[in-house]
Amino acid sequence: MNKNSQKIRQTVTVSVLSTIAYLLMMLNFPLPGLPPFLKIDFSEVPVLLAAIVFGPVAGITVEAIKNILHYIIEGAMTGVPIDQAANFLAGLLFILPVSFLYKKIRSAKGLTIGLVVGTITMTVLMSILNYFIILPAYTFFLNSPAMSSAEAKGLIVAGIMPFNLIKGIVVTLLFIFLFSRLKPWVRNYEKTMAA
């Protein structure tokens, strides 16, 4: 397959995965026992697929297009795309370790290690980002009183941290299940690209 055909095929696939990711983002739901504004969705599954098959840039592209579409179509309660920016950052913190580790260890073990590292990275760093940037941005743009340090820490420990951990685990299990069925397609695609 010539390079032009490869590029067209990759662009079309990334576009399709971006659309699927956006649609999956729309099918979100809250988790019992956690704040209702924290909603889980499965939009990281096509993002992960893009990152593993085509590399981290493709994963970042799908993540970005998904969130841009969401902002254009759904908007944001603050008028500023804080929700989408937070989703984009969480997605990158999750998919990039997976993509890099799978590239180094191209096996089920490498994929599993990557998914575990991605889940931990997303959980820890999103907690820090929420404390210093995301929660203050929400209160600023909503003209709400700023949260005290204790309130912010309480929300992060009781809500945001467990949410991201649960999301990472659920997406990991779903992705491993789907990837095991898509593995022949991925291997075939890699052979086609190498030819």
N, C-alpha and C. Protein backbone atom coordinates (compact mmCIF):
# COMPACT_ATOMS: atom_id res chain seq x y z
N MET A 1 0.85 -1.17 0.00
CA MET A 1 0.00 0.00 0.00
C MET A 1 0.89 1.24 0.00
N ASN A 2 0.62 2.18 -0.94
CA ASN A 2 1.47 3.37 -0.99
C ASN A 2 1.14 4.33 0.15
N LYS A 3 2.06 5.29 0.37
CA LYS A 3 1.93 6.19 1.53
C LYS A 3 0.68 7.06 1.45
N ASN A 4 0.29 7.44 0.23
CA ASN A 4 -0.93 8.26 0.07
C ASN A 4 -2.16 7.50 0.53
N SER A 5 -2.26 6.24 0.11
CA SER A 5 -3.39 5.40 0.51
C SER A 5 -3.41 5.17 2.01
N GLN A 6 -2.22 4.95 2.59
CA GLN A 6 -2.11 4.77 4.05
C GLN A 6 -2.62 6.00 4.78
N LYS A 7 -2.20 7.18 4.31
CA LYS A 7 -2.59 8.43 4.96
C LYS A 7 -4.10 8.64 4.88
N ILE A 8 -4.68 8.36 3.71
CA ILE A 8 -6.13 8.51 3.53
C ILE A 8 -6.87 7.54 4.45
N ARG A 9 -6.40 6.29 4.48
CA ARG A 9 -7.04 5.27 5.31
C ARG A 9 -6.98 5.66 6.80
N GLN A 10 -5.82 6.15 7.23
CA GLN A 10 -5.66 6.56 8.62
C GLN A 10 -6.57 7.76 8.93
N THR A 11 -6.62 8.74 8.04
CA THR A 11 -7.46 9.92 8.26
C THR A 11 -8.92 9.54 8.37
N VAL A 12 -9.38 8.65 7.49
CA VAL A 12 -10.78 8.21 7.53
C VAL A 12 -11.06 7.46 8.83
N THR A 13 -10.16 6.57 9.21
CA THR A 13 -10.35 5.79 10.44
C THR A 13 -10.37 6.70 11.67
N VAL A 14 -9.45 7.66 11.73
CA VAL A 14 -9.42 8.61 12.86
C VAL A 14 -10.70 9.43 12.90
N SER A 15 -11.21 9.83 11.75
CA SER A 15 -12.47 10.58 11.70
C SER A 15 -13.64 9.75 12.22
N VAL A 16 -13.69 8.50 11.80
CA VAL A 16 -14.77 7.60 12.26
C VAL A 16 -14.66 7.37 13.77
N LEU A 17 -13.44 7.13 14.25
CA LEU A 17 -13.24 6.91 15.69
C LEU A 17 -13.60 8.16 16.50
N SER A 18 -13.33 9.35 15.95
CA SER A 18 -13.68 10.60 16.62
C SER A 18 -15.19 10.73 16.75
N THR A 19 -15.90 10.38 15.68
CA THR A 19 -17.37 10.44 15.71
C THR A 19 -17.94 9.45 16.72
N ILE A 20 -17.40 8.23 16.72
CA ILE A 20 -17.86 7.22 17.67
C ILE A 20 -17.58 7.69 19.10
N ALA A 21 -16.39 8.27 19.32
CA ALA A 21 -16.03 8.77 20.65
C ALA A 21 -17.00 9.85 21.10
N TYR A 22 -17.35 10.77 20.20
CA TYR A 22 -18.31 11.82 20.55
C TYR A 22 -19.67 11.22 20.92
N LEU A 23 -20.14 10.27 20.13
CA LEU A 23 -21.44 9.64 20.41
C LEU A 23 -21.42 8.91 21.75
N LEU A 24 -20.33 8.23 22.04
CA LEU A 24 -20.20 7.54 23.33
C LEU A 24 -20.13 8.54 24.49
N MET A 25 -19.55 9.70 24.23
CA MET A 25 -19.48 10.74 25.26
C MET A 25 -20.88 11.24 25.63
N MET A 26 -21.78 11.21 24.66
CA MET A 26 -23.16 11.65 24.89
C MET A 26 -23.92 10.65 25.78
N LEU A 27 -23.51 9.40 25.74
CA LEU A 27 -24.18 8.35 26.52
C LEU A 27 -23.52 8.23 27.90
N ASN A 28 -23.61 9.30 28.67
CA ASN A 28 -22.96 9.31 29.98
C ASN A 28 -23.98 9.12 31.10
N PHE A 29 -23.49 8.71 32.24
CA PHE A 29 -24.38 8.48 33.38
C PHE A 29 -23.59 8.68 34.68
N PRO A 30 -24.27 9.16 35.74
CA PRO A 30 -23.59 9.33 37.03
C PRO A 30 -23.40 7.99 37.74
N LEU A 31 -22.45 7.96 38.62
CA LEU A 31 -22.21 6.75 39.43
C LEU A 31 -22.85 6.95 40.80
N PRO A 32 -23.57 5.94 41.29
CA PRO A 32 -24.20 6.06 42.61
C PRO A 32 -23.18 6.36 43.71
N GLY A 33 -23.53 7.27 44.59
CA GLY A 33 -22.66 7.59 45.72
C GLY A 33 -21.64 8.67 45.43
N LEU A 34 -21.54 9.10 44.16
CA LEU A 34 -20.60 10.16 43.80
C LEU A 34 -21.38 11.40 43.36
N PRO A 35 -20.75 12.57 43.37
CA PRO A 35 -21.47 13.78 42.95
C PRO A 35 -22.07 13.60 41.55
N PRO A 36 -23.33 14.06 41.35
CA PRO A 36 -24.03 13.81 40.08
C PRO A 36 -23.41 14.49 38.86
N PHE A 37 -22.58 15.51 39.07
CA PHE A 37 -21.95 16.17 37.91
C PHE A 37 -20.80 15.35 37.35
N LEU A 38 -20.35 14.33 38.08
CA LEU A 38 -19.31 13.43 37.58
C LEU A 38 -20.00 12.28 36.85
N LYS A 39 -19.89 12.28 35.53
CA LYS A 39 -20.58 11.26 34.73
C LYS A 39 -19.57 10.44 33.95
N ILE A 40 -19.79 9.13 33.99
CA ILE A 40 -18.89 8.22 33.29
C ILE A 40 -19.42 7.98 31.87
N ASP A 41 -18.50 7.80 30.94
CA ASP A 41 -18.85 7.41 29.58
C ASP A 41 -17.72 6.52 29.05
N PHE A 42 -17.94 5.97 27.88
CA PHE A 42 -16.95 5.03 27.32
C PHE A 42 -16.24 5.61 26.10
N SER A 43 -16.17 6.94 26.02
CA SER A 43 -15.58 7.58 24.84
C SER A 43 -14.07 7.37 24.74
N GLU A 44 -13.42 6.93 25.82
CA GLU A 44 -11.97 6.70 25.74
C GLU A 44 -11.64 5.41 24.99
N VAL A 45 -12.64 4.55 24.79
CA VAL A 45 -12.36 3.28 24.09
C VAL A 45 -11.90 3.53 22.65
N PRO A 46 -12.64 4.29 21.81
CA PRO A 46 -12.12 4.56 20.47
C PRO A 46 -10.85 5.41 20.48
N VAL A 47 -10.70 6.26 21.49
CA VAL A 47 -9.47 7.06 21.60
C VAL A 47 -8.28 6.14 21.83
N LEU A 48 -8.44 5.17 22.73
CA LEU A 48 -7.38 4.19 22.99
C LEU A 48 -7.05 3.40 21.74
N LEU A 49 -8.07 2.99 21.01
CA LEU A 49 -7.84 2.22 19.78
C LEU A 49 -7.00 3.02 18.79
N ALA A 50 -7.34 4.30 18.62
CA ALA A 50 -6.57 5.17 17.71
C ALA A 50 -5.13 5.30 18.19
N ALA A 51 -4.94 5.49 19.50
CA ALA A 51 -3.59 5.67 20.05
C ALA A 51 -2.74 4.42 19.91
N ILE A 52 -3.37 3.25 20.03
CA ILE A 52 -2.61 2.00 19.94
C ILE A 52 -2.30 1.64 18.49
N VAL A 53 -3.28 1.81 17.62
CA VAL A 53 -3.08 1.42 16.21
C VAL A 53 -2.23 2.43 15.45
N PHE A 54 -2.52 3.73 15.63
CA PHE A 54 -1.85 4.76 14.83
C PHE A 54 -0.81 5.56 15.59
N GLY A 55 -0.78 5.44 16.90
CA GLY A 55 0.19 6.18 17.69
C GLY A 55 -0.46 7.29 18.51
N PRO A 56 0.33 7.89 19.42
CA PRO A 56 -0.22 8.87 20.35
C PRO A 56 -0.83 10.11 19.69
N VAL A 57 -0.27 10.55 18.57
CA VAL A 57 -0.82 11.75 17.90
C VAL A 57 -2.24 11.50 17.43
N ALA A 58 -2.51 10.31 16.91
CA ALA A 58 -3.86 9.96 16.48
C ALA A 58 -4.81 9.92 17.67
N GLY A 59 -4.34 9.37 18.81
CA GLY A 59 -5.16 9.35 20.02
C GLY A 59 -5.48 10.75 20.50
N ILE A 60 -4.47 11.63 20.50
CA ILE A 60 -4.69 13.03 20.89
C ILE A 60 -5.68 13.70 19.95
N THR A 61 -5.57 13.40 18.65
CA THR A 61 -6.47 13.99 17.66
C THR A 61 -7.91 13.56 17.91
N VAL A 62 -8.14 12.27 18.14
CA VAL A 62 -9.49 11.78 18.40
C VAL A 62 -10.03 12.41 19.69
N GLU A 63 -9.20 12.49 20.71
CA GLU A 63 -9.61 13.10 21.99
C GLU A 63 -10.00 14.57 21.78
N ALA A 64 -9.20 15.27 20.99
CA ALA A 64 -9.47 16.70 20.74
C ALA A 64 -10.76 16.89 19.93
N ILE A 65 -10.91 16.13 18.84
CA ILE A 65 -12.11 16.27 17.99
C ILE A 65 -13.36 15.94 18.79
N LYS A 66 -13.32 14.89 19.60
CA LYS A 66 -14.45 14.50 20.44
C LYS A 66 -14.89 15.66 21.32
N ASN A 67 -13.95 16.31 21.97
CA ASN A 67 -14.27 17.40 22.90
C ASN A 67 -14.67 18.68 22.18
N ILE A 68 -14.08 18.94 21.03
CA ILE A 68 -14.49 20.11 20.24
C ILE A 68 -15.92 19.94 19.76
N LEU A 69 -16.25 18.75 19.25
CA LEU A 69 -17.63 18.47 18.82
C LEU A 69 -18.60 18.63 19.99
N HIS A 70 -18.21 18.12 21.14
CA HIS A 70 -19.07 18.21 22.33
C HIS A 70 -19.33 19.67 22.70
N TYR A 71 -18.29 20.50 22.65
CA TYR A 71 -18.46 21.91 23.00
C TYR A 71 -19.32 22.63 21.97
N ILE A 72 -19.08 22.35 20.69
CA ILE A 72 -19.86 23.02 19.63
C ILE A 72 -21.33 22.64 19.72
N ILE A 73 -21.62 21.37 19.95
CA ILE A 73 -23.00 20.88 19.94
C ILE A 73 -23.70 21.06 21.29
N GLU A 74 -22.99 20.78 22.37
CA GLU A 74 -23.60 20.82 23.70
C GLU A 74 -23.36 22.12 24.45
N GLY A 75 -22.26 22.80 24.13
CA GLY A 75 -21.91 24.00 24.88
C GLY A 75 -21.34 23.63 26.25
N ALA A 76 -21.31 24.62 27.15
CA ALA A 76 -20.80 24.40 28.50
C ALA A 76 -21.58 25.27 29.47
N MET A 77 -21.80 24.77 30.67
CA MET A 77 -22.61 25.53 31.63
C MET A 77 -21.95 26.83 32.04
N THR A 78 -20.64 26.93 31.92
CA THR A 78 -19.95 28.17 32.27
C THR A 78 -19.79 29.09 31.06
N GLY A 79 -20.10 28.58 29.88
CA GLY A 79 -19.84 29.34 28.66
C GLY A 79 -18.43 29.10 28.14
N VAL A 80 -17.57 28.66 29.02
CA VAL A 80 -16.18 28.37 28.69
C VAL A 80 -16.02 26.85 28.76
N PRO A 81 -15.28 26.24 27.83
CA PRO A 81 -15.23 24.77 27.78
C PRO A 81 -14.39 24.12 28.88
N ILE A 82 -14.72 24.40 30.13
CA ILE A 82 -13.96 23.79 31.24
C ILE A 82 -14.21 22.28 31.28
N ASP A 83 -15.48 21.87 31.11
CA ASP A 83 -15.81 20.43 31.11
C ASP A 83 -14.99 19.70 30.05
N GLN A 84 -15.00 20.27 28.85
CA GLN A 84 -14.31 19.62 27.73
C GLN A 84 -12.80 19.63 27.93
N ALA A 85 -12.26 20.72 28.49
CA ALA A 85 -10.82 20.78 28.75
C ALA A 85 -10.43 19.74 29.79
N ALA A 86 -11.26 19.59 30.83
CA ALA A 86 -10.98 18.59 31.86
C ALA A 86 -11.05 17.18 31.28
N ASN A 87 -12.06 16.94 30.42
CA ASN A 87 -12.20 15.63 29.79
C ASN A 87 -11.01 15.35 28.88
N PHE A 88 -10.57 16.37 28.14
CA PHE A 88 -9.42 16.23 27.24
C PHE A 88 -8.16 15.87 28.04
N LEU A 89 -7.91 16.61 29.13
CA LEU A 89 -6.73 16.34 29.96
C LEU A 89 -6.79 14.95 30.58
N ALA A 90 -7.96 14.57 31.11
CA ALA A 90 -8.11 13.24 31.69
C ALA A 90 -7.84 12.16 30.65
N GLY A 91 -8.38 12.38 29.45
CA GLY A 91 -8.18 11.41 28.37
C GLY A 91 -6.71 11.26 28.01
N LEU A 92 -6.00 12.38 27.90
CA LEU A 92 -4.57 12.31 27.57
C LEU A 92 -3.78 11.60 28.66
N LEU A 93 -4.09 11.92 29.91
CA LEU A 93 -3.38 11.29 31.03
C LEU A 93 -3.63 9.78 31.06
N PHE A 94 -4.75 9.36 30.53
CA PHE A 94 -5.08 7.94 30.48
C PHE A 94 -4.46 7.24 29.27
N ILE A 95 -4.64 7.82 28.08
CA ILE A 95 -4.24 7.11 26.86
C ILE A 95 -2.74 7.15 26.56
N LEU A 96 -2.06 8.25 26.91
CA LEU A 96 -0.65 8.37 26.53
C LEU A 96 0.23 7.30 27.18
N PRO A 97 0.08 7.02 28.49
CA PRO A 97 0.89 5.92 29.04
C PRO A 97 0.59 4.58 28.36
N VAL A 98 -0.68 4.35 28.02
CA VAL A 98 -1.05 3.09 27.35
C VAL A 98 -0.35 3.00 26.00
N SER A 99 -0.43 4.08 25.22
CA SER A 99 0.16 4.10 23.88
C SER A 99 1.67 3.88 23.93
N PHE A 100 2.35 4.60 24.82
CA PHE A 100 3.81 4.48 24.90
C PHE A 100 4.26 3.12 25.41
N LEU A 101 3.58 2.60 26.43
CA LEU A 101 3.97 1.30 26.98
C LEU A 101 3.66 0.15 26.02
N TYR A 102 2.52 0.26 25.31
CA TYR A 102 2.19 -0.79 24.34
C TYR A 102 3.17 -0.78 23.17
N LYS A 103 3.66 0.40 22.83
CA LYS A 103 4.65 0.50 21.74
C LYS A 103 5.96 -0.19 22.15
N LYS A 104 6.31 -0.09 23.44
CA LYS A 104 7.53 -0.72 23.95
C LYS A 104 7.36 -2.23 24.17
N ILE A 105 6.18 -2.62 24.69
CA ILE A 105 5.91 -4.03 24.98
C ILE A 105 4.63 -4.43 24.24
N ARG A 106 4.79 -4.89 22.99
CA ARG A 106 3.64 -5.18 22.14
C ARG A 106 3.06 -6.56 22.47
N SER A 107 2.37 -6.59 23.59
CA SER A 107 1.74 -7.84 24.04
C SER A 107 0.58 -7.49 24.96
N ALA A 108 -0.17 -8.52 25.35
CA ALA A 108 -1.27 -8.31 26.30
C ALA A 108 -0.72 -7.77 27.62
N LYS A 109 0.49 -8.23 27.98
CA LYS A 109 1.12 -7.75 29.22
C LYS A 109 1.41 -6.25 29.11
N GLY A 110 1.96 -5.82 27.99
CA GLY A 110 2.27 -4.40 27.79
C GLY A 110 1.01 -3.55 27.81
N LEU A 111 -0.05 -4.07 27.18
CA LEU A 111 -1.32 -3.35 27.15
C LEU A 111 -1.89 -3.23 28.56
N THR A 112 -1.85 -4.31 29.31
CA THR A 112 -2.39 -4.31 30.67
C THR A 112 -1.60 -3.36 31.57
N ILE A 113 -0.27 -3.42 31.49
CA ILE A 113 0.56 -2.52 32.29
C ILE A 113 0.25 -1.07 31.92
N GLY A 114 0.14 -0.80 30.63
CA GLY A 114 -0.19 0.55 30.17
C GLY A 114 -1.52 1.04 30.71
N LEU A 115 -2.54 0.18 30.68
CA LEU A 115 -3.87 0.56 31.17
C LEU A 115 -3.86 0.82 32.68
N VAL A 116 -3.09 0.02 33.42
CA VAL A 116 -2.98 0.24 34.87
C VAL A 116 -2.25 1.56 35.15
N VAL A 117 -1.13 1.78 34.46
CA VAL A 117 -0.38 3.03 34.64
C VAL A 117 -1.24 4.23 34.22
N GLY A 118 -1.97 4.09 33.11
CA GLY A 118 -2.85 5.17 32.65
C GLY A 118 -3.93 5.51 33.66
N THR A 119 -4.52 4.48 34.26
CA THR A 119 -5.56 4.69 35.28
C THR A 119 -4.99 5.42 36.49
N ILE A 120 -3.83 4.98 36.96
CA ILE A 120 -3.21 5.62 38.13
C ILE A 120 -2.80 7.06 37.80
N THR A 121 -2.20 7.26 36.62
CA THR A 121 -1.77 8.59 36.21
C THR A 121 -2.97 9.54 36.15
N MET A 122 -4.05 9.10 35.50
CA MET A 122 -5.25 9.93 35.38
C MET A 122 -5.81 10.25 36.76
N THR A 123 -5.90 9.25 37.63
CA THR A 123 -6.49 9.44 38.96
C THR A 123 -5.69 10.45 39.78
N VAL A 124 -4.37 10.29 39.82
CA VAL A 124 -3.53 11.16 40.65
C VAL A 124 -3.44 12.57 40.06
N LEU A 125 -3.10 12.68 38.77
CA LEU A 125 -2.88 14.00 38.19
C LEU A 125 -4.17 14.80 38.03
N MET A 126 -5.30 14.13 37.77
CA MET A 126 -6.57 14.87 37.69
C MET A 126 -6.97 15.39 39.07
N SER A 127 -6.59 14.70 40.13
CA SER A 127 -6.85 15.20 41.47
C SER A 127 -6.08 16.50 41.71
N ILE A 128 -4.81 16.50 41.31
CA ILE A 128 -3.97 17.69 41.47
C ILE A 128 -4.48 18.83 40.59
N LEU A 129 -4.79 18.53 39.33
CA LEU A 129 -5.29 19.57 38.41
C LEU A 129 -6.62 20.14 38.88
N ASN A 130 -7.48 19.29 39.43
CA ASN A 130 -8.76 19.78 39.95
C ASN A 130 -8.53 20.73 41.12
N TYR A 131 -7.61 20.38 41.99
CA TYR A 131 -7.37 21.21 43.17
C TYR A 131 -6.83 22.60 42.78
N PHE A 132 -5.86 22.61 41.87
CA PHE A 132 -5.18 23.87 41.57
C PHE A 132 -5.80 24.67 40.41
N ILE A 133 -6.44 23.99 39.45
CA ILE A 133 -6.89 24.69 38.24
C ILE A 133 -8.38 24.54 37.96
N ILE A 134 -8.87 23.30 37.87
CA ILE A 134 -10.22 23.06 37.34
C ILE A 134 -11.31 23.55 38.29
N LEU A 135 -11.25 23.18 39.57
CA LEU A 135 -12.27 23.64 40.52
C LEU A 135 -12.25 25.16 40.69
N PRO A 136 -11.07 25.80 40.82
CA PRO A 136 -11.07 27.26 40.87
C PRO A 136 -11.64 27.90 39.60
N ALA A 137 -11.40 27.28 38.44
CA ALA A 137 -11.95 27.83 37.18
C ALA A 137 -13.48 27.76 37.18
N TYR A 138 -14.03 26.64 37.66
CA TYR A 138 -15.49 26.53 37.75
C TYR A 138 -16.07 27.63 38.63
N THR A 139 -15.52 27.81 39.83
CA THR A 139 -16.07 28.81 40.74
C THR A 139 -15.91 30.22 40.15
N PHE A 140 -14.82 30.46 39.46
CA PHE A 140 -14.60 31.78 38.86
C PHE A 140 -15.63 32.06 37.77
N PHE A 141 -15.78 31.13 36.82
CA PHE A 141 -16.67 31.37 35.68
C PHE A 141 -18.16 31.27 36.04
N LEU A 142 -18.47 30.58 37.14
CA LEU A 142 -19.86 30.51 37.59
C LEU A 142 -20.19 31.63 38.60
N ASN A 143 -19.19 32.49 38.87
CA ASN A 143 -19.35 33.56 39.86
C ASN A 143 -19.82 33.01 41.21
N SER A 144 -19.29 31.85 41.58
CA SER A 144 -19.62 31.23 42.86
C SER A 144 -18.54 31.58 43.87
N PRO A 145 -18.88 31.48 45.15
CA PRO A 145 -17.83 31.70 46.16
C PRO A 145 -16.74 30.63 46.01
N ALA A 146 -15.51 31.04 46.17
CA ALA A 146 -14.40 30.10 46.05
C ALA A 146 -14.51 29.04 47.16
N MET A 147 -14.16 27.81 46.80
CA MET A 147 -14.16 26.73 47.79
C MET A 147 -12.96 26.90 48.72
N SER A 148 -13.17 26.57 49.97
CA SER A 148 -12.03 26.57 50.89
C SER A 148 -11.13 25.39 50.53
N SER A 149 -9.92 25.43 51.03
CA SER A 149 -8.98 24.34 50.76
C SER A 149 -9.54 23.00 51.27
N ALA A 150 -10.16 23.03 52.45
CA ALA A 150 -10.72 21.80 53.03
C ALA A 150 -11.88 21.29 52.18
N GLU A 151 -12.74 22.19 51.68
CA GLU A 151 -13.87 21.78 50.84
C GLU A 151 -13.37 21.16 49.54
N ALA A 152 -12.37 21.81 48.93
CA ALA A 152 -11.81 21.29 47.67
C ALA A 152 -11.19 19.91 47.89
N LYS A 153 -10.42 19.78 48.96
CA LYS A 153 -9.78 18.48 49.25
C LYS A 153 -10.84 17.41 49.51
N GLY A 154 -11.90 17.78 50.23
CA GLY A 154 -12.98 16.84 50.52
C GLY A 154 -13.66 16.36 49.26
N LEU A 155 -13.94 17.29 48.34
CA LEU A 155 -14.58 16.93 47.06
C LEU A 155 -13.67 16.02 46.24
N ILE A 156 -12.40 16.33 46.24
CA ILE A 156 -11.45 15.52 45.45
C ILE A 156 -11.32 14.12 46.03
N VAL A 157 -11.16 14.01 47.35
CA VAL A 157 -10.97 12.69 47.97
C VAL A 157 -12.25 11.85 47.92
N ALA A 158 -13.40 12.48 48.13
CA ALA A 158 -14.66 11.73 48.19
C ALA A 158 -15.34 11.58 46.83
N GLY A 159 -14.98 12.42 45.86
CA GLY A 159 -15.67 12.38 44.58
C GLY A 159 -14.77 12.18 43.37
N ILE A 160 -13.89 13.12 43.13
CA ILE A 160 -13.11 13.14 41.89
C ILE A 160 -12.12 11.99 41.81
N MET A 161 -11.40 11.73 42.91
CA MET A 161 -10.41 10.64 42.89
C MET A 161 -11.07 9.27 42.68
N PRO A 162 -12.10 8.92 43.47
CA PRO A 162 -12.73 7.61 43.21
C PRO A 162 -13.39 7.54 41.84
N PHE A 163 -13.95 8.66 41.36
CA PHE A 163 -14.57 8.67 40.04
C PHE A 163 -13.56 8.30 38.96
N ASN A 164 -12.41 8.97 38.96
CA ASN A 164 -11.40 8.70 37.93
C ASN A 164 -10.84 7.29 38.04
N LEU A 165 -10.70 6.79 39.28
CA LEU A 165 -10.23 5.42 39.46
C LEU A 165 -11.25 4.42 38.90
N ILE A 166 -12.51 4.61 39.23
CA ILE A 166 -13.57 3.72 38.73
C ILE A 166 -13.66 3.80 37.21
N LYS A 167 -13.61 5.03 36.68
CA LYS A 167 -13.68 5.21 35.22
C LYS A 167 -12.52 4.47 34.54
N GLY A 168 -11.32 4.62 35.08
CA GLY A 168 -10.16 3.94 34.50
C GLY A 168 -10.31 2.43 34.52
N ILE A 169 -10.81 1.90 35.62
CA ILE A 169 -10.98 0.44 35.75
C ILE A 169 -12.05 -0.07 34.77
N VAL A 170 -13.18 0.64 34.71
CA VAL A 170 -14.28 0.21 33.83
C VAL A 170 -13.84 0.28 32.36
N VAL A 171 -13.21 1.38 31.96
CA VAL A 171 -12.76 1.52 30.57
C VAL A 171 -11.68 0.48 30.27
N THR A 172 -10.80 0.22 31.22
CA THR A 172 -9.76 -0.81 31.04
C THR A 172 -10.38 -2.17 30.76
N LEU A 173 -11.32 -2.58 31.59
CA LEU A 173 -11.95 -3.89 31.41
C LEU A 173 -12.68 -3.98 30.07
N LEU A 174 -13.42 -2.92 29.72
CA LEU A 174 -14.14 -2.90 28.44
C LEU A 174 -13.16 -2.94 27.27
N PHE A 175 -12.08 -2.16 27.37
CA PHE A 175 -11.12 -2.11 26.26
C PHE A 175 -10.41 -3.44 26.08
N ILE A 176 -10.02 -4.08 27.18
CA ILE A 176 -9.35 -5.39 27.07
C ILE A 176 -10.27 -6.40 26.39
N PHE A 177 -11.55 -6.38 26.77
CA PHE A 177 -12.53 -7.28 26.16
C PHE A 177 -12.65 -7.00 24.66
N LEU A 178 -12.81 -5.74 24.28
CA LEU A 178 -12.97 -5.39 22.86
C LEU A 178 -11.69 -5.61 22.07
N PHE A 179 -10.55 -5.26 22.67
CA PHE A 179 -9.28 -5.39 21.96
C PHE A 179 -8.96 -6.84 21.65
N SER A 180 -9.35 -7.75 22.54
CA SER A 180 -9.10 -9.17 22.28
C SER A 180 -9.86 -9.63 21.04
N ARG A 181 -11.01 -9.00 20.77
CA ARG A 181 -11.79 -9.35 19.57
C ARG A 181 -11.32 -8.60 18.33
N LEU A 182 -10.71 -7.43 18.54
CA LEU A 182 -10.22 -6.62 17.42
C LEU A 182 -8.77 -6.93 17.06
N LYS A 183 -8.11 -7.76 17.86
CA LYS A 183 -6.69 -8.04 17.65
C LYS A 183 -6.37 -8.51 16.23
N PRO A 184 -7.16 -9.42 15.64
CA PRO A 184 -6.85 -9.83 14.26
C PRO A 184 -6.88 -8.65 13.29
N TRP A 185 -7.85 -7.73 13.46
CA TRP A 185 -7.94 -6.55 12.59
C TRP A 185 -6.72 -5.66 12.79
N VAL A 186 -6.30 -5.47 14.05
CA VAL A 186 -5.14 -4.63 14.35
C VAL A 186 -3.88 -5.23 13.74
N ARG A 187 -3.69 -6.53 13.91
CA ARG A 187 -2.51 -7.19 13.34
C ARG A 187 -2.52 -7.09 11.81
N ASN A 188 -3.68 -7.30 11.20
CA ASN A 188 -3.81 -7.20 9.75
C ASN A 188 -3.50 -5.79 9.28
N TYR A 189 -3.99 -4.81 10.01
CA TYR A 189 -3.74 -3.41 9.66
C TYR A 189 -2.25 -3.09 9.75
N GLU A 190 -1.59 -3.55 10.83
CA GLU A 190 -0.17 -3.30 10.99
C GLU A 190 0.64 -3.93 9.86
N LYS A 191 0.24 -5.15 9.42
CA LYS A 191 0.92 -5.80 8.30
C LYS A 191 0.74 -5.02 7.02
N THR A 192 -0.49 -4.52 6.80
CA THR A 192 -0.79 -3.74 5.60
C THR A 192 0.05 -2.47 5.56
N MET A 193 0.18 -1.82 6.72
CA MET A 193 0.96 -0.58 6.78
C MET A 193 2.45 -0.83 6.58
N ALA A 194 2.91 -1.99 7.06
CA ALA A 194 4.32 -2.31 6.92
C ALA A 194 4.69 -2.70 5.49
N ALA A 195 3.68 -3.15 4.72
CA ALA A 195 3.95 -3.60 3.35
C ALA A 195 4.28 -2.45 2.42
